[in-house]
C-alpha atoms as a PDB file:
ATOM      1  CA  MET A   1       0.000   0.000   0.000  1.00  0.00           C
ATOM      2  CA  LYS A   2       1.353   3.403  -0.999  1.00  0.00           C
ATOM      3  CA  ASP A   3       0.966   6.557   1.086  1.00  0.00           C
ATOM      4  CA  PHE A   4      -1.166   8.783  -1.139  1.00  0.00           C
ATOM      5  CA  ARG A   5       0.199  11.895   0.592  1.00  0.00           C
ATOM      6  CA  GLN A   6       3.571  11.177  -1.021  1.00  0.00           C
ATOM      7  CA  LEU A   7       2.174  11.494  -4.563  1.00  0.00           C
ATOM      8  CA  GLN A   8       2.594  14.914  -6.160  1.00  0.00           C
ATOM      9  CA  VAL A   9      -0.579  14.382  -8.189  1.00  0.00           C
ATOM     10  CA  TRP A  10      -2.585  13.833  -4.988  1.00  0.00           C
ATOM     11  CA  GLU A  11      -1.059  16.944  -3.401  1.00  0.00           C
ATOM     12  CA  LYS A  12      -1.928  19.056  -6.456  1.00  0.00           C
ATOM     13  CA  ALA A  13      -5.451  17.596  -6.626  1.00  0.00           C
ATOM     14  CA  HIS A  14      -5.946  18.404  -2.939  1.00  0.00           C
ATOM     15  CA  LYS A  15      -4.819  22.005  -3.503  1.00  0.00           C
ATOM     16  CA  VAL A  16      -7.207  22.326  -6.457  1.00  0.00           C
ATOM     17  CA  THR A  17     -10.051  21.026  -4.278  1.00  0.00           C
ATOM     18  CA  LEU A  18      -9.283  23.625  -1.611  1.00  0.00           C
ATOM     19  CA  MET A  19      -9.267  26.328  -4.311  1.00  0.00           C
ATOM     20  CA  ILE A  20     -12.609  25.098  -5.697  1.00  0.00           C
ATOM     21  CA  TYR A  21     -14.185  25.224  -2.239  1.00  0.00           C
ATOM     22  CA  ARG A  22     -12.980  28.815  -1.769  1.00  0.00           C
ATOM     23  CA  LEU A  23     -14.177  29.892  -5.219  1.00  0.00           C
ATOM     24  CA  THR A  24     -17.597  28.297  -4.873  1.00  0.00           C
ATOM     25  CA  ALA A  25     -18.180  29.990  -1.534  1.00  0.00           C
ATOM     26  CA  GLU A  26     -18.831  33.100  -3.632  1.00  0.00           C
ATOM     27  CA  PHE A  27     -21.356  31.458  -5.976  1.00  0.00           C
ATOM     28  CA  ALA A  28     -24.993  32.513  -5.943  1.00  0.00           C
ATOM     29  CA  ILE A  29     -26.843  31.135  -2.914  1.00  0.00           C
ATOM     30  CA  GLN A  30     -29.449  29.451  -5.116  1.00  0.00           C
ATOM     31  CA  GLU A  31     -26.623  27.289  -6.543  1.00  0.00           C
ATOM     32  CA  ARG A  32     -25.828  25.746  -3.146  1.00  0.00           C
ATOM     33  CA  TYR A  33     -27.500  22.456  -4.123  1.00  0.00           C
ATOM     34  CA  GLY A  34     -26.759  22.783  -7.827  1.00  0.00           C
ATOM     35  CA  LEU A  35     -23.474  23.811  -9.365  1.00  0.00           C
ATOM     36  CA  THR A  36     -21.719  24.478  -6.050  1.00  0.00           C
ATOM     37  CA  SER A  37     -22.446  21.004  -4.754  1.00  0.00           C
ATOM     38  CA  GLN A  38     -21.626  19.319  -8.069  1.00  0.00           C
ATOM     39  CA  VAL A  39     -18.235  20.954  -8.586  1.00  0.00           C
ATOM     40  CA  ARG A  40     -17.219  20.466  -4.957  1.00  0.00           C
ATOM     41  CA  ARG A  41     -18.044  16.764  -5.065  1.00  0.00           C
ATOM     42  CA  ALA A  42     -16.269  16.314  -8.389  1.00  0.00           C
ATOM     43  CA  SER A  43     -13.141  18.119  -7.205  1.00  0.00           C
ATOM     44  CA  ALA A  44     -12.988  16.149  -3.953  1.00  0.00           C
ATOM     45  CA  SER A  45     -13.476  12.960  -5.964  1.00  0.00           C
ATOM     46  CA  ILE A  46     -10.183  13.512  -7.785  1.00  0.00           C
ATOM     47  CA  ALA A  47      -7.992  13.340  -4.682  1.00  0.00           C
ATOM     48  CA  ALA A  48     -10.267  10.774  -3.008  1.00  0.00           C
ATOM     49  CA  ASN A  49      -9.945   8.355  -5.929  1.00  0.00           C
ATOM     50  CA  ILE A  50      -6.168   8.749  -5.982  1.00  0.00           C
ATOM     51  CA  ALA A  51      -6.091   7.984  -2.252  1.00  0.00           C
ATOM     52  CA  GLU A  52      -8.432   5.016  -2.552  1.00  0.00           C
ATOM     53  CA  GLY A  53      -6.423   3.637  -5.458  1.00  0.00           C
ATOM     54  CA  CYS A  54      -3.278   3.790  -3.325  1.00  0.00           C
ATOM     55  CA  GLY A  55      -5.069   1.826  -0.637  1.00  0.00           C
ATOM     56  CA  ARG A  56      -6.082  -0.843  -3.138  1.00  0.00           C
ATOM     57  CA  ASN A  57      -2.821  -1.107  -5.027  1.00  0.00           C
ATOM     58  CA  ILE A  58      -3.470  -4.647  -6.217  1.00  0.00           C
ATOM     59  CA  GLY A  59      -3.879  -5.738  -9.805  1.00  0.00           C
ATOM     60  CA  GLY A  60      -5.498  -3.072 -11.929  1.00  0.00           C
ATOM     61  CA  ASP A  61      -7.276  -1.291  -9.091  1.00  0.00           C
ATOM     62  CA  PHE A  62      -4.874   1.662  -8.883  1.00  0.00           C
ATOM     63  CA  HIS A  63      -5.087   2.182 -12.640  1.00  0.00           C
ATOM     64  CA  ARG A  64      -8.896   2.075 -12.523  1.00  0.00           C
ATOM     65  CA  PHE A  65      -9.081   4.592  -9.675  1.00  0.00           C
ATOM     66  CA  LEU A  66      -6.689   6.923 -11.498  1.00  0.00           C
ATOM     67  CA  ALA A  67      -8.938   6.735 -14.559  1.00  0.00           C
ATOM     68  CA  THR A  68     -11.939   7.607 -12.389  1.00  0.00           C
ATOM     69  CA  ALA A  69      -9.992  10.550 -10.940  1.00  0.00           C
ATOM     70  CA  MET A  70      -9.307  11.724 -14.504  1.00  0.00           C
ATOM     71  CA  GLY A  71     -13.018  11.616 -15.284  1.00  0.00           C
ATOM     72  CA  SER A  72     -13.717  13.772 -12.242  1.00  0.00           C
ATOM     73  CA  ALA A  73     -10.988  16.212 -13.286  1.00  0.00           C
ATOM     74  CA  VAL A  74     -12.597  16.651 -16.700  1.00  0.00           C
ATOM     75  CA  GLU A  75     -15.936  17.147 -14.967  1.00  0.00           C
ATOM     76  CA  VAL A  76     -14.414  19.935 -12.827  1.00  0.00           C
ATOM     77  CA  GLU A  77     -12.934  21.507 -15.940  1.00  0.00           C
ATOM     78  CA  TYR A  78     -16.414  21.700 -17.455  1.00  0.00           C
ATOM     79  CA  PHE A  79     -18.028  23.019 -14.274  1.00  0.00           C
ATOM     80  CA  MET A  80     -15.464  25.833 -14.102  1.00  0.00           C
ATOM     81  CA  LEU A  81     -16.248  26.734 -17.729  1.00  0.00           C
ATOM     82  CA  LEU A  82     -19.958  26.709 -16.894  1.00  0.00           C
ATOM     83  CA  ALA A  83     -19.377  28.901 -13.831  1.00  0.00           C
ATOM     84  CA  ARG A  84     -17.489  31.400 -15.981  1.00  0.00           C
ATOM     85  CA  ASP A  85     -20.200  31.427 -18.636  1.00  0.00           C
ATOM     86  CA  LEU A  86     -22.845  31.943 -15.938  1.00  0.00           C
ATOM     87  CA  GLU A  87     -20.689  34.850 -14.717  1.00  0.00           C
ATOM     88  CA  PHE A  88     -20.053  33.289 -11.308  1.00  0.00           C
ATOM     89  CA  LEU A  89     -16.321  33.595 -12.072  1.00  0.00           C
ATOM     90  CA  ASP A  90     -14.477  36.382 -13.847  1.00  0.00           C
ATOM     91  CA  ASP A  91     -12.042  35.461 -16.627  1.00  0.00           C
ATOM     92  CA  ALA A  92      -8.919  35.855 -14.493  1.00  0.00           C
ATOM     93  CA  THR A  93     -10.245  33.610 -11.730  1.00  0.00           C
ATOM     94  CA  TYR A  94     -11.456  31.079 -14.276  1.00  0.00           C
ATOM     95  CA  LYS A  95      -8.007  30.929 -15.896  1.00  0.00           C
ATOM     96  CA  VAL A  96      -6.324  30.251 -12.544  1.00  0.00           C
ATOM     97  CA  ALA A  97      -8.804  27.448 -11.817  1.00  0.00           C
ATOM     98  CA  GLU A  98      -8.455  26.044 -15.318  1.00  0.00           C
ATOM     99  CA  ARG A  99      -4.655  25.988 -15.086  1.00  0.00           C
ATOM    100  CA  GLY A 100      -4.838  24.065 -11.820  1.00  0.00           C
ATOM    101  CA  VAL A 101      -7.295  21.507 -13.170  1.00  0.00           C
ATOM    102  CA  LEU A 102      -5.372  21.045 -16.421  1.00  0.00           C
ATOM    103  CA  GLU A 103      -2.153  20.497 -14.473  1.00  0.00           C
ATOM    104  CA  VAL A 104      -3.867  17.775 -12.431  1.00  0.00           C
ATOM    105  CA  GLN A 105      -5.106  16.195 -15.680  1.00  0.00           C
ATOM    106  CA  ARG A 106      -1.587  16.182 -17.130  1.00  0.00           C
ATOM    107  CA  MET A 107      -0.169  14.667 -13.945  1.00  0.00           C
ATOM    108  CA  LEU A 108      -2.909  12.032 -13.868  1.00  0.00           C
ATOM    109  CA  GLY A 109      -2.316  11.182 -17.515  1.00  0.00           C
ATOM    110  CA  SER A 110       1.360  10.653 -16.826  1.00  0.00           C
ATOM    111  CA  ARG A 111       0.646   8.497 -13.770  1.00  0.00           C
ATOM    112  CA  ILE A 112      -1.975   6.475 -15.661  1.00  0.00           C
ATOM    113  CA  ARG A 113       0.544   5.741 -18.431  1.00  0.00           C
ATOM    114  CA  LYS A 114       3.223   4.766 -15.893  1.00  0.00           C
ATOM    115  CA  VAL A 115       0.910   2.450 -13.954  1.00  0.00           C
ATOM    116  CA  GLY A 116      -0.393   0.954 -17.204  1.00  0.00           C
ATOM    117  CA  THR A 117       3.144   0.231 -18.388  1.00  0.00           C
ATOM    118  CA  GLU A 118       3.998  -1.373 -15.038  1.00  0.00           C
ATOM    119  CA  ARG A 119       0.870  -3.544 -15.263  1.00  0.00           C
ATOM    120  CA  MET A 120       1.867  -4.761 -18.726  1.00  0.00           C
ATOM    121  CA  ARG A 121       5.318  -5.822 -17.462  1.00  0.00           C
ATOM    122  CA  ARG A 122       3.845  -8.124 -14.818  1.00  0.00           C
END
């Protein structure tokens, strides 16, 4: 079992989740159970799936959980775009959020490839 806290991708995903929570605190109150809830759950799911995959590092489990984390990261990317288009975020704030999410996606992609290659060698 790996310690998820040692993975840079988990650390970055955690930081992005904290940023998303801070940004969504400013969203319209009527979005509390809509967009705010959706994007918060999706962002937390990224780091949570990385952590769970580390705890189940047997067979293809880690790879599968990383793929699920990637799906959540893409979901967050869309929700940030939606928030910008709904004018809940200004362009500058959106770009900061987008950069963070895209960096997590790149890191996940790299980790997914590495884990996939290691699985093929076994």
